[in-house]
Amino acid sequence: MSYMGFKPLVKKVNMKPKGIVEIVLETTISDLNGKVEALGSSGWSCSSCTV
């Protein structure tokens, strides 16, 4: 399991059918500081994530 420490702002939470919860977070590029790349190398994936 991967861990990424940063302090995002929760912008939106949507309850979808079939028990799916969509959470939209907002943060700065400087707060991420290469952490998204570390998740990618650990096998974590997200089909709808963009940075």
PDB file of N, CA and C in Angstrom:
ATOM      1  N   MET A   1       0.850  -1.174   0.000  1.00  0.00           N
ATOM      2  CA  MET A   1       0.000   0.000   0.000  1.00  0.00           C
ATOM      3  C   MET A   1       0.889   1.229   0.000  1.00  0.00           C
ATOM      4  N   SER A   2       0.490   2.232  -0.753  1.00  0.00           N
ATOM      5  CA  SER A   2       1.243   3.478  -0.836  1.00  0.00           C
ATOM      6  C   SER A   2       0.642   4.527   0.084  1.00  0.00           C
ATOM      7  N   TYR A   3       1.497   5.412   0.535  1.00  0.00           N
ATOM      8  CA  TYR A   3       1.073   6.514   1.395  1.00  0.00           C
ATOM      9  C   TYR A   3       1.641   7.796   0.819  1.00  0.00           C
ATOM     10  N   MET A   4       0.825   8.838   0.809  1.00  0.00           N
ATOM     11  CA  MET A   4       1.263  10.129   0.316  1.00  0.00           C
ATOM     12  C   MET A   4       0.795  11.193   1.294  1.00  0.00           C
ATOM     13  N   GLY A   5       1.720  11.840   1.981  1.00  0.00           N
ATOM     14  CA  GLY A   5       1.354  12.849   2.963  1.00  0.00           C
ATOM     15  C   GLY A   5       1.302  14.255   2.374  1.00  0.00           C
ATOM     16  N   PHE A   6       0.149  14.870   2.398  1.00  0.00           N
ATOM     17  CA  PHE A   6      -0.027  16.256   1.982  1.00  0.00           C
ATOM     18  C   PHE A   6      -1.301  16.775   2.623  1.00  0.00           C
ATOM     19  N   LYS A   7      -1.536  18.078   2.550  1.00  0.00           N
ATOM     20  CA  LYS A   7      -2.690  18.685   3.213  1.00  0.00           C
ATOM     21  C   LYS A   7      -3.634  19.280   2.188  1.00  0.00           C
ATOM     22  N   PRO A   8      -4.545  18.464   1.655  1.00  0.00           N
ATOM     23  CA  PRO A   8      -5.472  18.969   0.644  1.00  0.00           C
ATOM     24  C   PRO A   8      -6.690  19.644   1.265  1.00  0.00           C
ATOM     25  N   LEU A   9      -7.410  20.365   0.442  1.00  0.00           N
ATOM     26  CA  LEU A   9      -8.689  20.948   0.800  1.00  0.00           C
ATOM     27  C   LEU A   9      -9.765  20.111   0.118  1.00  0.00           C
ATOM     28  N   VAL A  10     -10.742  19.633   0.871  1.00  0.00           N
ATOM     29  CA  VAL A  10     -11.842  18.866   0.284  1.00  0.00           C
ATOM     30  C   VAL A  10     -12.774  19.845  -0.415  1.00  0.00           C
ATOM     31  N   LYS A  11     -12.902  19.694  -1.743  1.00  0.00           N
ATOM     32  CA  LYS A  11     -13.710  20.600  -2.533  1.00  0.00           C
ATOM     33  C   LYS A  11     -15.125  20.088  -2.765  1.00  0.00           C
ATOM     34  N   LYS A  12     -15.262  18.755  -2.916  1.00  0.00           N
ATOM     35  CA  LYS A  12     -16.575  18.212  -3.240  1.00  0.00           C
ATOM     36  C   LYS A  12     -16.615  16.736  -2.863  1.00  0.00           C
ATOM     37  N   VAL A  13     -17.771  16.286  -2.367  1.00  0.00           N
ATOM     38  CA  VAL A  13     -18.008  14.876  -2.075  1.00  0.00           C
ATOM     39  C   VAL A  13     -19.339  14.501  -2.716  1.00  0.00           C
ATOM     40  N   ASN A  14     -19.319  13.490  -3.579  1.00  0.00           N
ATOM     41  CA  ASN A  14     -20.530  13.026  -4.258  1.00  0.00           C
ATOM     42  C   ASN A  14     -20.816  11.582  -3.885  1.00  0.00           C
ATOM     43  N   MET A  15     -22.031  11.310  -3.478  1.00  0.00           N
ATOM     44  CA  MET A  15     -22.474   9.940  -3.249  1.00  0.00           C
ATOM     45  C   MET A  15     -23.062   9.433  -4.558  1.00  0.00           C
ATOM     46  N   LYS A  16     -22.491   8.360  -5.094  1.00  0.00           N
ATOM     47  CA  LYS A  16     -22.947   7.817  -6.369  1.00  0.00           C
ATOM     48  C   LYS A  16     -23.658   6.491  -6.142  1.00  0.00           C
ATOM     49  N   PRO A  17     -24.331   6.003  -7.171  1.00  0.00           N
ATOM     50  CA  PRO A  17     -25.014   4.709  -7.045  1.00  0.00           C
ATOM     51  C   PRO A  17     -24.024   3.582  -6.733  1.00  0.00           C
ATOM     52  N   LYS A  18     -24.551   2.499  -6.206  1.00  0.00           N
ATOM     53  CA  LYS A  18     -23.776   1.295  -5.879  1.00  0.00           C
ATOM     54  C   LYS A  18     -22.727   1.527  -4.792  1.00  0.00           C
ATOM     55  N   GLY A  19     -22.949   2.511  -3.928  1.00  0.00           N
ATOM     56  CA  GLY A  19     -22.052   2.739  -2.795  1.00  0.00           C
ATOM     57  C   GLY A  19     -20.740   3.422  -3.134  1.00  0.00           C
ATOM     58  N   ILE A  20     -20.630   4.025  -4.301  1.00  0.00           N
ATOM     59  CA  ILE A  20     -19.409   4.716  -4.710  1.00  0.00           C
ATOM     60  C   ILE A  20     -19.421   6.136  -4.150  1.00  0.00           C
ATOM     61  N   VAL A  21     -18.287   6.561  -3.592  1.00  0.00           N
ATOM     62  CA  VAL A  21     -18.139   7.927  -3.098  1.00  0.00           C
ATOM     63  C   VAL A  21     -17.018   8.584  -3.898  1.00  0.00           C
ATOM     64  N   GLU A  22     -17.323   9.723  -4.523  1.00  0.00           N
ATOM     65  CA  GLU A  22     -16.340  10.487  -5.283  1.00  0.00           C
ATOM     66  C   GLU A  22     -15.905  11.661  -4.413  1.00  0.00           C
ATOM     67  N   ILE A  23     -14.595  11.793  -4.192  1.00  0.00           N
ATOM     68  CA  ILE A  23     -14.051  12.873  -3.370  1.00  0.00           C
ATOM     69  C   ILE A  23     -13.086  13.674  -4.227  1.00  0.00           C
ATOM     70  N   VAL A  24     -13.300  14.985  -4.312  1.00  0.00           N
ATOM     71  CA  VAL A  24     -12.422  15.875  -5.077  1.00  0.00           C
ATOM     72  C   VAL A  24     -11.591  16.672  -4.072  1.00  0.00           C
ATOM     73  N   LEU A  25     -10.259  16.572  -4.225  1.00  0.00           N
ATOM     74  CA  LEU A  25      -9.328  17.270  -3.344  1.00  0.00           C
ATOM     75  C   LEU A  25      -8.598  18.348  -4.133  1.00  0.00           C
ATOM     76  N   GLU A  26      -8.212  19.423  -3.445  1.00  0.00           N
ATOM     77  CA  GLU A  26      -7.430  20.484  -4.077  1.00  0.00           C
ATOM     78  C   GLU A  26      -6.175  20.717  -3.253  1.00  0.00           C
ATOM     79  N   THR A  27      -5.029  20.827  -3.944  1.00  0.00           N
ATOM     80  CA  THR A  27      -3.764  21.122  -3.285  1.00  0.00           C
ATOM     81  C   THR A  27      -2.878  21.880  -4.267  1.00  0.00           C
ATOM     82  N   THR A  28      -1.705  22.260  -3.849  1.00  0.00           N
ATOM     83  CA  THR A  28      -0.777  22.977  -4.725  1.00  0.00           C
ATOM     84  C   THR A  28       0.270  22.005  -5.271  1.00  0.00           C
ATOM     85  N   ILE A  29       0.861  22.361  -6.397  1.00  0.00           N
ATOM     86  CA  ILE A  29       1.932  21.554  -6.974  1.00  0.00           C
ATOM     87  C   ILE A  29       3.099  21.458  -5.994  1.00  0.00           C
ATOM     88  N   SER A  30       3.430  22.546  -5.321  1.00  0.00           N
ATOM     89  CA  SER A  30       4.554  22.524  -4.381  1.00  0.00           C
ATOM     90  C   SER A  30       4.288  21.589  -3.203  1.00  0.00           C
ATOM     91  N   ASP A  31       3.035  21.439  -2.798  1.00  0.00           N
ATOM     92  CA  ASP A  31       2.698  20.517  -1.706  1.00  0.00           C
ATOM     93  C   ASP A  31       2.896  19.067  -2.140  1.00  0.00           C
ATOM     94  N   LEU A  32       2.627  18.769  -3.402  1.00  0.00           N
ATOM     95  CA  LEU A  32       2.823  17.412  -3.910  1.00  0.00           C
ATOM     96  C   LEU A  32       4.306  17.095  -4.079  1.00  0.00           C
ATOM     97  N   ASN A  33       5.077  18.026  -4.607  1.00  0.00           N
ATOM     98  CA  ASN A  33       6.529  17.943  -4.698  1.00  0.00           C
ATOM     99  C   ASN A  33       7.047  16.552  -5.067  1.00  0.00           C
ATOM    100  N   GLY A  34       6.596  15.996  -6.194  1.00  0.00           N
ATOM    101  CA  GLY A  34       7.085  14.708  -6.672  1.00  0.00           C
ATOM    102  C   GLY A  34       6.448  13.491  -6.029  1.00  0.00           C
ATOM    103  N   LYS A  35       5.485  13.666  -5.154  1.00  0.00           N
ATOM    104  CA  LYS A  35       4.883  12.532  -4.444  1.00  0.00           C
ATOM    105  C   LYS A  35       3.979  11.693  -5.334  1.00  0.00           C
ATOM    106  N   VAL A  36       3.364  12.291  -6.354  1.00  0.00           N
ATOM    107  CA  VAL A  36       2.495  11.534  -7.251  1.00  0.00           C
ATOM    108  C   VAL A  36       3.327  10.520  -8.033  1.00  0.00           C
ATOM    109  N   GLU A  37       4.544  10.894  -8.451  1.00  0.00           N
ATOM    110  CA  GLU A  37       5.419   9.984  -9.165  1.00  0.00           C
ATOM    111  C   GLU A  37       5.784   8.784  -8.289  1.00  0.00           C
ATOM    112  N   ALA A  38       5.975   9.001  -6.994  1.00  0.00           N
ATOM    113  CA  ALA A  38       6.302   7.899  -6.084  1.00  0.00           C
ATOM    114  C   ALA A  38       5.156   6.902  -6.014  1.00  0.00           C
ATOM    115  N   LEU A  39       3.930   7.369  -6.045  1.00  0.00           N
ATOM    116  CA  LEU A  39       2.785   6.459  -6.050  1.00  0.00           C
ATOM    117  C   LEU A  39       2.752   5.638  -7.332  1.00  0.00           C
ATOM    118  N   GLY A  40       3.074   6.265  -8.456  1.00  0.00           N
ATOM    119  CA  GLY A  40       3.063   5.562  -9.737  1.00  0.00           C
ATOM    120  C   GLY A  40       4.070   4.428  -9.784  1.00  0.00           C
ATOM    121  N   SER A  41       5.220   4.587  -9.145  1.00  0.00           N
ATOM    122  CA  SER A  41       6.245   3.545  -9.179  1.00  0.00           C
ATOM    123  C   SER A  41       5.943   2.403  -8.213  1.00  0.00           C
ATOM    124  N   SER A  42       4.952   2.556  -7.351  1.00  0.00           N
ATOM    125  CA  SER A  42       4.633   1.507  -6.380  1.00  0.00           C
ATOM    126  C   SER A  42       3.483   0.615  -6.847  1.00  0.00           C
ATOM    127  N   GLY A  43       3.009   0.817  -8.076  1.00  0.00           N
ATOM    128  CA  GLY A  43       1.934  -0.021  -8.590  1.00  0.00           C
ATOM    129  C   GLY A  43       0.561   0.589  -8.426  1.00  0.00           C
ATOM    130  N   TRP A  44       0.451   1.755  -7.779  1.00  0.00           N
ATOM    131  CA  TRP A  44      -0.837   2.441  -7.608  1.00  0.00           C
ATOM    132  C   TRP A  44      -1.271   2.980  -8.952  1.00  0.00           C
ATOM    133  N   SER A  45      -2.549   2.907  -9.235  1.00  0.00           N
ATOM    134  CA  SER A  45      -3.027   3.461 -10.498  1.00  0.00           C
ATOM    135  C   SER A  45      -4.393   4.089 -10.312  1.00  0.00           C
ATOM    136  N   CYS A  46      -4.696   5.013 -11.196  1.00  0.00           N
ATOM    137  CA  CYS A  46      -5.994   5.680 -11.185  1.00  0.00           C
ATOM    138  C   CYS A  46      -6.352   5.995 -12.623  1.00  0.00           C
ATOM    139  N   SER A  47      -7.427   5.423 -13.108  1.00  0.00           N
ATOM    140  CA  SER A  47      -7.793   5.595 -14.506  1.00  0.00           C
ATOM    141  C   SER A  47      -8.306   6.997 -14.821  1.00  0.00           C
ATOM    142  N   SER A  48      -8.761   7.739 -13.804  1.00  0.00           N
ATOM    143  CA  SER A  48      -9.314   9.061 -14.089  1.00  0.00           C
ATOM    144  C   SER A  48      -8.524  10.184 -13.430  1.00  0.00           C
ATOM    145  N   CYS A  49      -7.303   9.916 -12.948  1.00  0.00           N
ATOM    146  CA  CYS A  49      -6.506  10.935 -12.276  1.00  0.00           C
ATOM    147  C   CYS A  49      -5.710  11.742 -13.287  1.00  0.00           C
ATOM    148  N   THR A  50      -5.652  13.051 -13.062  1.00  0.00           N
ATOM    149  CA  THR A  50      -4.821  13.933 -13.868  1.00  0.00           C
ATOM    150  C   THR A  50      -4.078  14.863 -12.948  1.00  0.00           C
ATOM    151  N   VAL A  51      -2.865  15.207 -13.327  1.00  0.00           N
ATOM    152  CA  VAL A  51      -2.059  16.138 -12.543  1.00  0.00           C
ATOM    153  C   VAL A  51      -1.503  17.185 -13.457  1.00  0.00           C
TER     154      VAL A  51
END
